[in-house]
Amino acid sequence: FWVGYQFVITSRNHSLEGHWEVAYKGSSEVFL
C-alpha cells in the first residue's frame, strides 16, 4: 500500500540512483 514517501531519481546510468523524500511538507522527524 501507498505510504507518504517519494523516490527522486537523480541518475539513470547503469543503475537507477536517487534518494527518498517525505512527500508532503510538515512531516518532521521521520526516518527515510
PDB file of all heavy atoms in Angstrom:
ATOM      1  N   PHE A   1       0.832  -1.200   0.000  1.00  0.00           N
ATOM      2  CA  PHE A   1       0.000   0.000   0.000  1.00  0.00           C
ATOM      3  C   PHE A   1       0.868   1.252   0.000  1.00  0.00           C
ATOM      4  O   PHE A   1       2.001   1.268   0.471  1.00  0.00           O
ATOM      5  CB  PHE A   1      -0.986   0.012   1.174  1.00  0.00           C
ATOM      6  CG  PHE A   1      -0.478  -0.574   2.456  1.00  0.00           C
ATOM      7  CD1 PHE A   1       0.360   0.148   3.293  1.00  0.00           C
ATOM      8  CD2 PHE A   1      -0.865  -1.851   2.838  1.00  0.00           C
ATOM      9  CE1 PHE A   1       0.811  -0.390   4.483  1.00  0.00           C
ATOM     10  CE2 PHE A   1      -0.406  -2.394   4.037  1.00  0.00           C
ATOM     11  CZ  PHE A   1       0.430  -1.669   4.848  1.00  0.00           C
ATOM     12  N   TRP A   2       0.283   2.322  -0.584  1.00  0.00           N
ATOM     13  CA  TRP A   2       0.979   3.604  -0.651  1.00  0.00           C
ATOM     14  C   TRP A   2       1.244   4.140   0.752  1.00  0.00           C
ATOM     15  O   TRP A   2       0.389   4.047   1.635  1.00  0.00           O
ATOM     16  CB  TRP A   2       0.141   4.640  -1.389  1.00  0.00           C
ATOM     17  CG  TRP A   2      -0.154   4.418  -2.841  1.00  0.00           C
ATOM     18  CD1 TRP A   2      -1.393   4.383  -3.435  1.00  0.00           C
ATOM     19  CD2 TRP A   2       0.794   4.270  -3.915  1.00  0.00           C
ATOM     20  NE1 TRP A   2      -1.275   4.199  -4.790  1.00  0.00           N
ATOM     21  CE2 TRP A   2       0.056   4.122  -5.121  1.00  0.00           C
ATOM     22  CE3 TRP A   2       2.190   4.225  -3.977  1.00  0.00           C
ATOM     23  CZ2 TRP A   2       0.670   3.949  -6.359  1.00  0.00           C
ATOM     24  CZ3 TRP A   2       2.797   4.044  -5.207  1.00  0.00           C
ATOM     25  CH2 TRP A   2       2.046   3.913  -6.372  1.00  0.00           C
ATOM     26  N   VAL A   3       2.424   4.732   0.936  1.00  0.00           N
ATOM     27  CA  VAL A   3       2.760   5.473   2.152  1.00  0.00           C
ATOM     28  C   VAL A   3       3.392   6.801   1.733  1.00  0.00           C
ATOM     29  O   VAL A   3       3.606   7.053   0.546  1.00  0.00           O
ATOM     30  CB  VAL A   3       3.704   4.669   3.069  1.00  0.00           C
ATOM     31  CG1 VAL A   3       2.951   3.516   3.729  1.00  0.00           C
ATOM     32  CG2 VAL A   3       4.910   4.140   2.305  1.00  0.00           C
ATOM     33  N   GLY A   4       3.693   7.654   2.697  1.00  0.00           N
ATOM     34  CA  GLY A   4       3.968   9.061   2.396  1.00  0.00           C
ATOM     35  C   GLY A   4       5.397   9.419   2.029  1.00  0.00           C
ATOM     36  O   GLY A   4       5.929  10.419   2.537  1.00  0.00           O
ATOM     37  N   TYR A   5       6.015   8.641   1.146  1.00  0.00           N
ATOM     38  CA  TYR A   5       7.368   8.959   0.677  1.00  0.00           C
ATOM     39  C   TYR A   5       7.403   8.949  -0.848  1.00  0.00           C
ATOM     40  O   TYR A   5       6.586   8.284  -1.491  1.00  0.00           O
ATOM     41  CB  TYR A   5       8.385   7.927   1.182  1.00  0.00           C
ATOM     42  CG  TYR A   5       8.465   7.798   2.685  1.00  0.00           C
ATOM     43  CD1 TYR A   5       7.735   6.819   3.356  1.00  0.00           C
ATOM     44  CD2 TYR A   5       9.287   8.639   3.434  1.00  0.00           C
ATOM     45  CE1 TYR A   5       7.813   6.690   4.722  1.00  0.00           C
ATOM     46  CE2 TYR A   5       9.377   8.509   4.812  1.00  0.00           C
ATOM     47  CZ  TYR A   5       8.637   7.536   5.450  1.00  0.00           C
ATOM     48  OH  TYR A   5       8.714   7.407   6.813  1.00  0.00           O
ATOM     49  N   GLN A   6       8.396   9.655  -1.412  1.00  0.00           N
ATOM     50  CA  GLN A   6       8.638   9.633  -2.856  1.00  0.00           C
ATOM     51  C   GLN A   6      10.134   9.449  -3.112  1.00  0.00           C
ATOM     52  O   GLN A   6      10.974   9.949  -2.352  1.00  0.00           O
ATOM     53  CB  GLN A   6       8.149  10.926  -3.515  1.00  0.00           C
ATOM     54  CG  GLN A   6       6.635  11.045  -3.532  1.00  0.00           C
ATOM     55  CD  GLN A   6       6.170  12.342  -4.143  1.00  0.00           C
ATOM     56  OE1 GLN A   6       6.878  13.343  -4.113  1.00  0.00           O
ATOM     57  NE2 GLN A   6       4.970  12.336  -4.709  1.00  0.00           N
ATOM     58  N   PHE A   7      10.444   8.710  -4.174  1.00  0.00           N
ATOM     59  CA  PHE A   7      11.830   8.466  -4.556  1.00  0.00           C
ATOM     60  C   PHE A   7      12.163   9.348  -5.754  1.00  0.00           C
ATOM     61  O   PHE A   7      11.544   9.227  -6.820  1.00  0.00           O
ATOM     62  CB  PHE A   7      12.044   6.990  -4.916  1.00  0.00           C
ATOM     63  CG  PHE A   7      13.483   6.612  -5.111  1.00  0.00           C
ATOM     64  CD1 PHE A   7      14.302   6.357  -4.012  1.00  0.00           C
ATOM     65  CD2 PHE A   7      14.026   6.525  -6.383  1.00  0.00           C
ATOM     66  CE1 PHE A   7      15.634   6.016  -4.185  1.00  0.00           C
ATOM     67  CE2 PHE A   7      15.362   6.173  -6.572  1.00  0.00           C
ATOM     68  CZ  PHE A   7      16.172   5.917  -5.459  1.00  0.00           C
ATOM     69  N   VAL A   8      13.113  10.264  -5.568  1.00  0.00           N
ATOM     70  CA  VAL A   8      13.506  11.204  -6.616  1.00  0.00           C
ATOM     71  C   VAL A   8      14.710  10.620  -7.350  1.00  0.00           C
ATOM     72  O   VAL A   8      15.771  10.393  -6.751  1.00  0.00           O
ATOM     73  CB  VAL A   8      13.858  12.578  -6.021  1.00  0.00           C
ATOM     74  CG1 VAL A   8      14.277  13.548  -7.139  1.00  0.00           C
ATOM     75  CG2 VAL A   8      12.661  13.132  -5.248  1.00  0.00           C
ATOM     76  N   ILE A   9      14.560  10.372  -8.658  1.00  0.00           N
ATOM     77  CA  ILE A   9      15.630   9.791  -9.465  1.00  0.00           C
ATOM     78  C   ILE A   9      16.593  10.898  -9.893  1.00  0.00           C
ATOM     79  O   ILE A   9      16.183  11.912 -10.461  1.00  0.00           O
ATOM     80  CB  ILE A   9      15.056   9.074 -10.697  1.00  0.00           C
ATOM     81  CG1 ILE A   9      14.151   7.912 -10.261  1.00  0.00           C
ATOM     82  CG2 ILE A   9      16.180   8.541 -11.594  1.00  0.00           C
ATOM     83  CD1 ILE A   9      13.425   7.234 -11.401  1.00  0.00           C
ATOM     84  N   THR A  10      17.873  10.705  -9.595  1.00  0.00           N
ATOM     85  CA  THR A  10      18.890  11.705  -9.949  1.00  0.00           C
ATOM     86  C   THR A  10      19.785  11.245 -11.092  1.00  0.00           C
ATOM     87  O   THR A  10      20.468  12.060 -11.705  1.00  0.00           O
ATOM     88  CB  THR A  10      19.760  12.029  -8.719  1.00  0.00           C
ATOM     89  OG1 THR A  10      20.336  10.819  -8.209  1.00  0.00           O
ATOM     90  CG2 THR A  10      18.916  12.685  -7.632  1.00  0.00           C
ATOM     91  N   SER A  11      19.802   9.936 -11.374  1.00  0.00           N
ATOM     92  CA  SER A  11      20.650   9.430 -12.447  1.00  0.00           C
ATOM     93  C   SER A  11      20.059   8.145 -12.999  1.00  0.00           C
ATOM     94  O   SER A  11      19.527   7.317 -12.262  1.00  0.00           O
ATOM     95  CB  SER A  11      22.074   9.171 -11.936  1.00  0.00           C
ATOM     96  OG  SER A  11      22.868   8.538 -12.926  1.00  0.00           O
ATOM     97  N   ARG A  12      20.154   7.974 -14.332  1.00  0.00           N
ATOM     98  CA  ARG A  12      19.674   6.753 -14.983  1.00  0.00           C
ATOM     99  C   ARG A  12      20.822   6.086 -15.747  1.00  0.00           C
ATOM    100  O   ARG A  12      20.649   5.620 -16.856  1.00  0.00           O
ATOM    101  CB  ARG A  12      18.517   7.073 -15.942  1.00  0.00           C
ATOM    102  CG  ARG A  12      17.215   7.394 -15.255  1.00  0.00           C
ATOM    103  CD  ARG A  12      16.136   7.660 -16.281  1.00  0.00           C
ATOM    104  NE  ARG A  12      14.839   7.897 -15.671  1.00  0.00           N
ATOM    105  CZ  ARG A  12      13.939   6.975 -15.400  1.00  0.00           C
ATOM    106  NH1 ARG A  12      14.207   5.707 -15.670  1.00  0.00           N
ATOM    107  NH2 ARG A  12      12.778   7.283 -14.862  1.00  0.00           N
ATOM    108  N   ASN A  13      21.990   6.060 -15.154  1.00  0.00           N
ATOM    109  CA  ASN A  13      23.135   5.428 -15.809  1.00  0.00           C
ATOM    110  C   ASN A  13      22.976   3.913 -15.809  1.00  0.00           C
ATOM    111  O   ASN A  13      21.953   3.391 -16.207  1.00  0.00           O
ATOM    112  CB  ASN A  13      24.439   5.869 -15.131  1.00  0.00           C
ATOM    113  CG  ASN A  13      24.708   7.346 -15.379  1.00  0.00           C
ATOM    114  OD1 ASN A  13      24.282   7.889 -16.389  1.00  0.00           O
ATOM    115  ND2 ASN A  13      25.394   7.985 -14.452  1.00  0.00           N
ATOM    116  N   HIS A  14      23.965   3.189 -15.370  1.00  0.00           N
ATOM    117  CA  HIS A  14      23.891   1.727 -15.375  1.00  0.00           C
ATOM    118  C   HIS A  14      22.819   1.216 -14.414  1.00  0.00           C
ATOM    119  O   HIS A  14      22.233   0.161 -14.625  1.00  0.00           O
ATOM    120  CB  HIS A  14      25.259   1.145 -15.018  1.00  0.00           C
ATOM    121  CG  HIS A  14      26.323   1.534 -15.991  1.00  0.00           C
ATOM    122  ND1 HIS A  14      26.325   1.114 -17.312  1.00  0.00           N
ATOM    123  CD2 HIS A  14      27.411   2.344 -15.864  1.00  0.00           C
ATOM    124  CE1 HIS A  14      27.370   1.627 -17.942  1.00  0.00           C
ATOM    125  NE2 HIS A  14      28.047   2.380 -17.079  1.00  0.00           N
ATOM    126  N   SER A  15      22.583   1.961 -13.356  1.00  0.00           N
ATOM    127  CA  SER A  15      21.517   1.614 -12.421  1.00  0.00           C
ATOM    128  C   SER A  15      20.842   2.900 -11.963  1.00  0.00           C
ATOM    129  O   SER A  15      21.448   3.978 -12.003  1.00  0.00           O
ATOM    130  CB  SER A  15      22.083   0.853 -11.209  1.00  0.00           C
ATOM    131  OG  SER A  15      22.997   1.670 -10.514  1.00  0.00           O
ATOM    132  N   LEU A  16      19.597   2.775 -11.565  1.00  0.00           N
ATOM    133  CA  LEU A  16      18.862   3.958 -11.109  1.00  0.00           C
ATOM    134  C   LEU A  16      19.434   4.449  -9.786  1.00  0.00           C
ATOM    135  O   LEU A  16      19.630   3.674  -8.851  1.00  0.00           O
ATOM    136  CB  LEU A  16      17.383   3.624 -10.937  1.00  0.00           C
ATOM    137  CG  LEU A  16      16.582   3.383 -12.219  1.00  0.00           C
ATOM    138  CD1 LEU A  16      15.162   2.968 -11.891  1.00  0.00           C
ATOM    139  CD2 LEU A  16      16.576   4.632 -13.098  1.00  0.00           C
ATOM    140  N   GLU A  17      19.687   5.753  -9.715  1.00  0.00           N
ATOM    141  CA  GLU A  17      20.176   6.357  -8.490  1.00  0.00           C
ATOM    142  C   GLU A  17      19.227   7.473  -8.086  1.00  0.00           C
ATOM    143  O   GLU A  17      18.630   8.144  -8.925  1.00  0.00           O
ATOM    144  CB  GLU A  17      21.589   6.906  -8.684  1.00  0.00           C
ATOM    145  CG  GLU A  17      22.632   5.844  -9.009  1.00  0.00           C
ATOM    146  CD  GLU A  17      24.006   6.435  -9.257  1.00  0.00           C
ATOM    147  OE1 GLU A  17      24.140   7.672  -9.139  1.00  0.00           O
ATOM    148  OE2 GLU A  17      24.933   5.665  -9.565  1.00  0.00           O
ATOM    149  N   GLY A  18      19.108   7.673  -6.801  1.00  0.00           N
ATOM    150  CA  GLY A  18      18.228   8.718  -6.305  1.00  0.00           C
ATOM    151  C   GLY A  18      18.163   8.695  -4.792  1.00  0.00           C
ATOM    152  O   GLY A  18      18.995   8.090  -4.122  1.00  0.00           O
ATOM    153  N   HIS A  19      17.167   9.357  -4.260  1.00  0.00           N
ATOM    154  CA  HIS A  19      17.015   9.409  -2.796  1.00  0.00           C
ATOM    155  C   HIS A  19      15.545   9.560  -2.433  1.00  0.00           C
ATOM    156  O   HIS A  19      14.734  10.045  -3.220  1.00  0.00           O
ATOM    157  CB  HIS A  19      17.824  10.582  -2.218  1.00  0.00           C
ATOM    158  CG  HIS A  19      17.389  11.921  -2.757  1.00  0.00           C
ATOM    159  ND1 HIS A  19      17.931  12.471  -3.911  1.00  0.00           N
ATOM    160  CD2 HIS A  19      16.455  12.825  -2.334  1.00  0.00           C
ATOM    161  CE1 HIS A  19      17.369  13.640  -4.158  1.00  0.00           C
ATOM    162  NE2 HIS A  19      16.463  13.871  -3.214  1.00  0.00           N
ATOM    163  N   TRP A  20      15.226   9.132  -1.222  1.00  0.00           N
ATOM    164  CA  TRP A  20      13.870   9.250  -0.697  1.00  0.00           C
ATOM    165  C   TRP A  20      13.637  10.647  -0.125  1.00  0.00           C
ATOM    166  O   TRP A  20      14.540  11.257   0.448  1.00  0.00           O
ATOM    167  CB  TRP A  20      13.619   8.240   0.412  1.00  0.00           C
ATOM    168  CG  TRP A  20      13.462   6.816  -0.021  1.00  0.00           C
ATOM    169  CD1 TRP A  20      14.349   5.795   0.173  1.00  0.00           C
ATOM    170  CD2 TRP A  20      12.333   6.246  -0.697  1.00  0.00           C
ATOM    171  NE1 TRP A  20      13.853   4.621  -0.353  1.00  0.00           N
ATOM    172  CE2 TRP A  20      12.611   4.866  -0.893  1.00  0.00           C
ATOM    173  CE3 TRP A  20      11.126   6.761  -1.167  1.00  0.00           C
ATOM    174  CZ2 TRP A  20      11.729   4.000  -1.512  1.00  0.00           C
ATOM    175  CZ3 TRP A  20      10.244   5.897  -1.796  1.00  0.00           C
ATOM    176  CH2 TRP A  20      10.537   4.550  -1.963  1.00  0.00           C
ATOM    177  N   GLU A  21      12.415  11.129  -0.270  1.00  0.00           N
ATOM    178  CA  GLU A  21      11.977  12.367   0.366  1.00  0.00           C
ATOM    179  C   GLU A  21      10.598  12.147   0.965  1.00  0.00           C
ATOM    180  O   GLU A  21       9.849  11.268   0.522  1.00  0.00           O
ATOM    181  CB  GLU A  21      11.895  13.524  -0.646  1.00  0.00           C
ATOM    182  CG  GLU A  21      13.230  13.957  -1.204  1.00  0.00           C
ATOM    183  CD  GLU A  21      13.092  15.131  -2.166  1.00  0.00           C
ATOM    184  OE1 GLU A  21      11.920  15.540  -2.442  1.00  0.00           O
ATOM    185  OE2 GLU A  21      14.131  15.642  -2.635  1.00  0.00           O
ATOM    186  N   VAL A  22      10.274  12.950   1.978  1.00  0.00           N
ATOM    187  CA  VAL A  22       8.911  12.939   2.507  1.00  0.00           C
ATOM    188  C   VAL A  22       8.017  13.626   1.494  1.00  0.00           C
ATOM    189  O   VAL A  22       8.378  14.671   0.933  1.00  0.00           O
ATOM    190  CB  VAL A  22       8.848  13.649   3.877  1.00  0.00           C
ATOM    191  CG1 VAL A  22       7.414  13.742   4.371  1.00  0.00           C
ATOM    192  CG2 VAL A  22       9.707  12.905   4.884  1.00  0.00           C
ATOM    193  N   ALA A  23       6.847  13.059   1.246  1.00  0.00           N
ATOM    194  CA  ALA A  23       6.031  13.503   0.116  1.00  0.00           C
ATOM    195  C   ALA A  23       5.281  14.805   0.369  1.00  0.00           C
ATOM    196  O   ALA A  23       4.790  15.413  -0.569  1.00  0.00           O
ATOM    197  CB  ALA A  23       5.036  12.408  -0.258  1.00  0.00           C
ATOM    198  N   TYR A  24       5.177  15.243   1.613  1.00  0.00           N
ATOM    199  CA  TYR A  24       4.413  16.453   1.874  1.00  0.00           C
ATOM    200  C   TYR A  24       5.091  17.244   2.986  1.00  0.00           C
ATOM    201  O   TYR A  24       5.784  16.694   3.842  1.00  0.00           O
ATOM    202  CB  TYR A  24       2.969  16.117   2.286  1.00  0.00           C
ATOM    203  CG  TYR A  24       2.871  15.189   3.468  1.00  0.00           C
ATOM    204  CD1 TYR A  24       2.757  15.678   4.762  1.00  0.00           C
ATOM    205  CD2 TYR A  24       2.910  13.808   3.293  1.00  0.00           C
ATOM    206  CE1 TYR A  24       2.700  14.828   5.843  1.00  0.00           C
ATOM    207  CE2 TYR A  24       2.847  12.951   4.372  1.00  0.00           C
ATOM    208  CZ  TYR A  24       2.740  13.471   5.638  1.00  0.00           C
ATOM    209  OH  TYR A  24       2.688  12.620   6.716  1.00  0.00           O
ATOM    210  N   LYS A  25       4.896  18.536   2.962  1.00  0.00           N
ATOM    211  CA  LYS A  25       5.513  19.397   3.964  1.00  0.00           C
ATOM    212  C   LYS A  25       4.843  19.198   5.322  1.00  0.00           C
ATOM    213  O   LYS A  25       3.684  18.834   5.413  1.00  0.00           O
ATOM    214  CB  LYS A  25       5.400  20.856   3.540  1.00  0.00           C
ATOM    215  CG  LYS A  25       6.182  21.179   2.269  1.00  0.00           C
ATOM    216  CD  LYS A  25       6.027  22.647   1.883  1.00  0.00           C
ATOM    217  CE  LYS A  25       6.811  22.954   0.621  1.00  0.00           C
ATOM    218  NZ  LYS A  25       6.674  24.380   0.214  1.00  0.00           N
ATOM    219  N   GLY A  26       5.587  19.467   6.354  1.00  0.00           N
ATOM    220  CA  GLY A  26       5.035  19.343   7.700  1.00  0.00           C
ATOM    221  C   GLY A  26       5.416  18.058   8.385  1.00  0.00           C
ATOM    222  O   GLY A  26       5.153  17.899   9.569  1.00  0.00           O
ATOM    223  N   SER A  27       6.020  17.124   7.659  1.00  0.00           N
ATOM    224  CA  SER A  27       6.456  15.875   8.276  1.00  0.00           C
ATOM    225  C   SER A  27       7.888  16.042   8.769  1.00  0.00           C
ATOM    226  O   SER A  27       8.821  16.055   7.977  1.00  0.00           O
ATOM    227  CB  SER A  27       6.389  14.720   7.281  1.00  0.00           C
ATOM    228  OG  SER A  27       5.065  14.474   6.912  1.00  0.00           O
ATOM    229  N   SER A  28       8.042  16.208  10.043  1.00  0.00           N
ATOM    230  CA  SER A  28       9.371  16.359  10.615  1.00  0.00           C
ATOM    231  C   SER A  28       9.707  15.122  11.442  1.00  0.00           C
ATOM    232  O   SER A  28       8.826  14.383  11.879  1.00  0.00           O
ATOM    233  CB  SER A  28       9.440  17.610  11.497  1.00  0.00           C
ATOM    234  OG  SER A  28       8.486  17.527  12.533  1.00  0.00           O
ATOM    235  N   GLU A  29      10.981  14.909  11.655  1.00  0.00           N
ATOM    236  CA  GLU A  29      11.452  13.816  12.490  1.00  0.00           C
ATOM    237  C   GLU A  29      10.917  12.459  12.019  1.00  0.00           C
ATOM    238  O   GLU A  29      10.416  11.672  12.804  1.00  0.00           O
ATOM    239  CB  GLU A  29      11.056  14.048  13.964  1.00  0.00           C
ATOM    240  CG  GLU A  29      11.673  15.313  14.546  1.00  0.00           C
ATOM    241  CD  GLU A  29      11.297  15.498  15.996  1.00  0.00           C
ATOM    242  OE1 GLU A  29      10.627  14.607  16.560  1.00  0.00           O
ATOM    243  OE2 GLU A  29      11.671  16.527  16.572  1.00  0.00           O
ATOM    244  N   VAL A  30      11.017  12.214  10.725  1.00  0.00           N
ATOM    245  CA  VAL A  30      10.640  10.905  10.195  1.00  0.00           C
ATOM    246  C   VAL A  30      11.891  10.234   9.659  1.00  0.00           C
ATOM    247  O   VAL A  30      12.843  10.904   9.244  1.00  0.00           O
ATOM    248  CB  VAL A  30       9.578  11.005   9.080  1.00  0.00           C
ATOM    249  CG1 VAL A  30       8.328  11.689   9.584  1.00  0.00           C
ATOM    250  CG2 VAL A  30      10.133  11.732   7.874  1.00  0.00           C
ATOM    251  N   PHE A  31      11.909   8.902   9.684  1.00  0.00           N
ATOM    252  CA  PHE A  31      13.040   8.215   9.063  1.00  0.00           C
ATOM    253  C   PHE A  31      12.704   7.925   7.607  1.00  0.00           C
ATOM    254  O   PHE A  31      11.545   7.837   7.217  1.00  0.00           O
ATOM    255  CB  PHE A  31      13.413   6.939   9.833  1.00  0.00           C
ATOM    256  CG  PHE A  31      12.445   5.793   9.687  1.00  0.00           C
ATOM    257  CD1 PHE A  31      12.374   5.063   8.508  1.00  0.00           C
ATOM    258  CD2 PHE A  31      11.636   5.410  10.744  1.00  0.00           C
ATOM    259  CE1 PHE A  31      11.501   3.995   8.383  1.00  0.00           C
ATOM    260  CE2 PHE A  31      10.761   4.345  10.626  1.00  0.00           C
ATOM    261  CZ  PHE A  31      10.695   3.638   9.436  1.00  0.00           C
ATOM    262  N   LEU A  32      13.740   7.798   6.789  1.00  0.00           N
ATOM    263  CA  LEU A  32      13.565   7.536   5.362  1.00  0.00           C
ATOM    264  C   LEU A  32      13.846   6.066   5.083  1.00  0.00           C
ATOM    265  O   LEU A  32      14.703   5.456   5.724  1.00  0.00           O
ATOM    266  CB  LEU A  32      14.500   8.429   4.542  1.00  0.00           C
ATOM    267  CG  LEU A  32      14.251   9.937   4.672  1.00  0.00           C
ATOM    268  CD1 LEU A  32      15.289  10.710   3.881  1.00  0.00           C
ATOM    269  CD2 LEU A  32      12.845  10.301   4.198  1.00  0.00           C
TER     270      LEU A  32
END
